[in-house]
């Protein structure tokens, strides 16, 4: 399906810079002609070229109105400053931040997509982005790692990371949907119980008044 093919090209940072809530919604918009192929800063020119090849259109420069490409980085929480508000946990699209209310939070580095969505909600500015260092390989000692091999390996790692991030994003969406349904069910049961209690109470009061009126008439 076209949407899945487009989504497979996107970097799965789920950053929303494209103007949509995640990579899948952006993929849907591209497939339906509601979005252009150059709205993803993390994907940059490489992603634009791949999308152009897939759709059979000409590539175009990145639309910088959606942001500029950056080197890969992950979020870091200053645990001494963190107040445990949980805002960053709620904002993270892939559940890469762990912690509890009024308890210290921390980032699971290997799960962070670098979307930066956790920074703005933090009321104490204790979150910063840390650039990842590229692994330097000595090709003289390890002749297997030629430039072509390293590029292939890098692309494979990017694809694997993107696929993993997509799974975590979809899992979070499912969890949020489940929790919403659970809250709705609990509220419905509580409302029903309150109404039932109110009706029972009103009925008892009516019967009591009716009984008092009956005895007074005697």
Protein backbone atom coordinates (compact mmCIF):
# COMPACT_ATOMS: atom_id res chain seq x y z
CA UNK A 1 0.00 0.00 0.00
CA UNK A 2 1.30 3.46 -0.89
CA UNK A 3 0.87 4.91 2.61
CA UNK A 4 3.00 2.14 4.14
CA UNK A 5 5.69 2.62 1.49
CA UNK A 6 5.83 6.37 2.18
CA UNK A 7 5.85 5.79 5.94
CA UNK A 8 8.74 3.33 5.54
CA UNK A 9 10.86 6.14 4.06
CA UNK A 10 10.11 8.66 6.82
CA UNK A 11 12.60 8.75 9.74
CA UNK A 12 9.97 8.04 12.43
CA UNK A 13 11.15 10.78 14.78
CA UNK A 14 7.45 11.65 15.29
CA UNK A 15 8.54 15.27 15.80
CA UNK A 16 5.57 16.94 14.11
CA UNK A 17 7.72 19.47 12.24
CA UNK A 18 5.96 18.47 9.03
CA UNK A 19 2.75 19.94 10.40
CA UNK A 20 1.16 16.61 11.28
CA UNK A 21 1.00 14.68 14.56
CA UNK A 22 3.44 12.00 13.43
CA UNK A 23 5.11 10.29 10.49
CA UNK A 24 2.09 8.10 9.63
CA UNK A 25 -0.36 11.03 9.43
CA UNK A 26 2.18 12.84 7.24
CA UNK A 27 2.47 9.76 5.02
CA UNK A 28 -1.31 9.65 4.68
CA UNK A 29 -1.40 13.34 3.78
CA UNK A 30 1.28 12.87 1.10
CA UNK A 31 -0.60 9.91 -0.39
CA UNK A 32 -3.82 11.94 -0.46
CA UNK A 33 -2.12 14.98 -1.99
CA UNK A 34 -2.62 17.16 1.09
CA UNK A 35 1.09 17.55 1.85
CA UNK A 36 4.30 17.95 -0.13
CA UNK A 37 7.32 15.64 -0.02
CA UNK A 38 9.68 18.31 1.35
CA UNK A 39 8.18 18.99 4.78
CA UNK A 40 10.40 16.66 6.86
CA UNK A 41 13.61 18.27 8.20
CA UNK A 42 14.90 15.05 9.82
CA UNK A 43 14.55 13.23 6.49
CA UNK A 44 16.27 16.10 4.69
CA UNK A 45 17.36 15.78 1.03
CA UNK A 46 17.87 12.02 1.23
CA UNK A 47 14.29 11.46 2.33
CA UNK A 48 12.94 13.90 -0.24
CA UNK A 49 14.81 12.07 -3.02
CA UNK A 50 13.47 8.70 -1.89
CA UNK A 51 9.91 10.02 -1.75
CA UNK A 52 10.30 11.59 -5.18
CA UNK A 53 11.56 8.30 -6.62
CA UNK A 54 8.66 6.41 -5.05
CA UNK A 55 6.00 8.82 -6.29
CA UNK A 56 7.57 9.46 -9.66
CA UNK A 57 7.91 13.21 -9.17
CA UNK A 58 10.80 15.64 -9.23
CA UNK A 59 12.63 16.23 -5.95
CA UNK A 60 12.57 19.71 -4.50
CA UNK A 61 14.52 21.59 -1.80
CA UNK A 62 13.53 21.17 1.83
CA UNK A 63 10.81 23.61 2.86
CA UNK A 64 12.68 25.38 5.66
CA UNK A 65 9.43 26.81 7.00
CA UNK A 66 9.16 23.43 8.72
CA UNK A 67 12.65 23.66 10.22
CA UNK A 68 16.24 22.91 9.36
CA UNK A 69 17.98 19.52 9.43
CA UNK A 70 20.05 18.82 12.53
CA UNK A 71 22.58 16.21 13.52
CA UNK A 72 21.18 13.26 15.44
CA UNK A 73 20.80 14.00 19.15
CA UNK A 74 18.99 12.64 22.20
CA UNK A 75 17.32 14.33 25.14
CA UNK A 76 19.09 14.64 28.48
CA UNK A 77 17.34 15.48 31.77
CA UNK A 78 19.22 17.26 34.54
CA UNK A 79 17.99 15.02 37.33
CA UNK A 80 19.08 17.50 40.02
CA UNK A 81 16.71 20.13 38.63
CA UNK A 82 13.81 17.86 37.58
CA UNK A 83 10.69 18.35 39.74
CA UNK A 84 8.83 15.26 38.49
CA UNK A 85 5.97 17.08 36.75
CA UNK A 86 5.56 14.26 34.14
CA UNK A 87 4.92 16.76 31.33
CA UNK A 88 7.87 15.41 29.34
CA UNK A 89 6.64 11.84 29.79
CA UNK A 90 3.28 12.80 28.33
CA UNK A 91 4.92 14.65 25.43
CA UNK A 92 7.31 11.87 24.39
CA UNK A 93 5.82 10.07 21.36
CA UNK A 94 7.75 6.84 21.92
CA UNK A 95 7.68 6.49 25.72
CA UNK A 96 11.43 7.06 25.97
CA UNK A 97 11.17 8.88 29.33
CA UNK A 98 10.53 7.06 32.60
CA UNK A 99 9.58 8.44 36.00
CA UNK A 100 6.58 9.18 38.18
CA UNK A 101 4.81 12.22 39.60
CA UNK A 102 7.12 14.18 41.94
CA UNK A 103 9.87 11.64 41.27
CA UNK A 104 13.03 12.00 39.20
CA UNK A 105 12.67 11.41 35.45
CA UNK A 106 15.28 10.04 33.08
CA UNK A 107 15.59 9.42 29.34
CA UNK A 108 16.13 5.96 27.88
CA UNK A 109 18.81 7.08 25.45
CA UNK A 110 18.53 4.18 23.00
CA UNK A 111 14.78 4.80 22.61
CA UNK A 112 14.94 8.59 22.14
CA UNK A 113 14.24 9.74 18.56
CA UNK A 114 15.51 13.28 19.14
CA UNK A 115 12.11 14.83 18.40
CA UNK A 116 12.62 17.59 21.04
CA UNK A 117 8.92 17.53 21.98
CA UNK A 118 9.83 17.11 25.64
CA UNK A 119 11.69 20.44 25.87
CA UNK A 120 8.87 22.98 25.57
CA UNK A 121 6.53 21.50 28.25
CA UNK A 122 9.28 21.41 30.91
CA UNK A 123 8.53 24.19 33.43
CA UNK A 124 12.07 24.26 34.85
CA UNK A 125 14.10 23.98 31.63
CA UNK A 126 15.98 20.90 32.80
CA UNK A 127 15.98 19.15 29.40
CA UNK A 128 18.65 19.65 26.75
CA UNK A 129 19.63 17.86 23.55
CA UNK A 130 22.96 16.02 23.40
CA UNK A 131 24.43 15.36 19.93
CA UNK A 132 25.41 11.78 19.27
CA UNK A 133 29.01 11.15 18.28
CA UNK A 134 29.57 9.17 15.11
CA UNK A 135 31.62 6.03 15.47
CA UNK A 136 35.04 6.47 13.83
CA UNK A 137 36.42 3.36 12.20
CA UNK A 138 40.10 2.90 11.31
CA UNK A 139 39.86 1.32 7.84
CA UNK A 140 43.55 0.36 7.96
CA UNK A 141 42.99 -1.85 10.99
CA UNK A 142 39.55 -2.95 9.82
CA UNK A 143 39.75 -3.07 6.01
CA UNK A 144 36.26 -4.58 5.81
CA UNK A 145 34.77 -1.17 6.65
CA UNK A 146 35.21 0.59 3.33
CA UNK A 147 33.28 3.80 2.69
CA UNK A 148 30.60 1.87 0.78
CA UNK A 149 30.30 -0.75 3.50
CA UNK A 150 30.06 1.88 6.20
CA UNK A 151 27.35 3.75 4.27
CA UNK A 152 25.40 0.52 3.82
CA UNK A 153 25.77 -0.28 7.51
CA UNK A 154 24.69 3.23 8.48
CA UNK A 155 21.58 3.01 6.29
CA UNK A 156 20.72 -0.40 7.75
CA UNK A 157 21.05 0.98 11.28
CA UNK A 158 18.86 3.99 10.39
CA UNK A 159 16.20 1.68 8.95
CA UNK A 160 16.30 -0.58 11.99
CA UNK A 161 16.06 2.40 14.37
CA UNK A 162 13.16 3.88 12.37
CA UNK A 163 11.25 0.59 12.37
CA UNK A 164 11.77 0.25 16.11
CA UNK A 165 10.62 3.83 16.75
CA UNK A 166 7.51 3.22 14.64
CA UNK A 167 6.60 0.20 16.76
CA UNK A 168 7.03 2.17 20.01
CA UNK A 169 4.97 5.06 18.62
CA UNK A 170 2.15 2.73 17.60
CA UNK A 171 2.30 0.99 20.99
CA UNK A 172 1.91 4.33 22.76
CA UNK A 173 -1.09 5.24 20.61
CA UNK A 174 -2.70 1.90 21.46
CA UNK A 175 -1.98 2.41 25.17
CA UNK A 176 -3.47 5.91 25.14
CA UNK A 177 -6.57 4.63 23.34
CA UNK A 178 -6.95 1.79 25.86
CA UNK A 179 -6.55 4.18 28.81
CA UNK A 180 -9.10 6.58 27.30
CA UNK A 181 -11.63 3.78 26.80
CA UNK A 182 -10.99 2.55 30.33
CA UNK A 183 -11.60 6.04 31.77
CA UNK A 184 -14.79 6.37 29.70
CA UNK A 185 -16.06 3.03 30.99
CA UNK A 186 -15.24 3.92 34.60
CA UNK A 187 -17.00 7.27 34.25
CA UNK A 188 -20.05 5.60 32.71
CA UNK A 189 -20.23 3.08 35.56
CA UNK A 190 -19.79 5.82 38.16
CA UNK A 191 -22.48 7.98 36.52
CA UNK A 192 -24.84 5.00 36.41
CA UNK A 193 -24.17 4.20 40.07
CA UNK A 194 -24.77 7.83 41.11
CA UNK A 195 -28.00 8.01 39.12
CA UNK A 196 -29.14 4.69 40.58
CA UNK A 197 -28.29 5.87 44.09
CA UNK A 198 -30.11 9.16 43.50
CA UNK A 199 -33.22 7.39 42.17
CA UNK A 200 -33.22 4.95 45.09
CA UNK A 201 -32.79 7.79 47.58
CA UNK A 202 -35.52 9.85 45.96
CA UNK A 203 -37.87 6.84 45.92
CA UNK A 204 -37.26 6.15 49.61
CA UNK A 205 -37.90 9.79 50.52
CA UNK A 206 -41.11 9.75 48.49
CA UNK A 207 -42.29 6.55 50.18
CA UNK A 208 -41.45 7.99 53.60
CA UNK A 209 -43.36 11.20 52.90
CA UNK A 210 -46.25 9.18 51.51
CA UNK A 211 -46.30 7.04 54.64
CA UNK A 212 -46.21 10.10 56.91
CA UNK A 213 -49.06 11.67 54.98
CA UNK A 214 -51.06 8.44 55.31
CA UNK A 215 -50.64 8.35 59.10
CA UNK A 216 -51.44 12.06 59.45
CA UNK A 217 -54.68 11.56 57.57
CA UNK A 218 -55.66 8.95 60.13
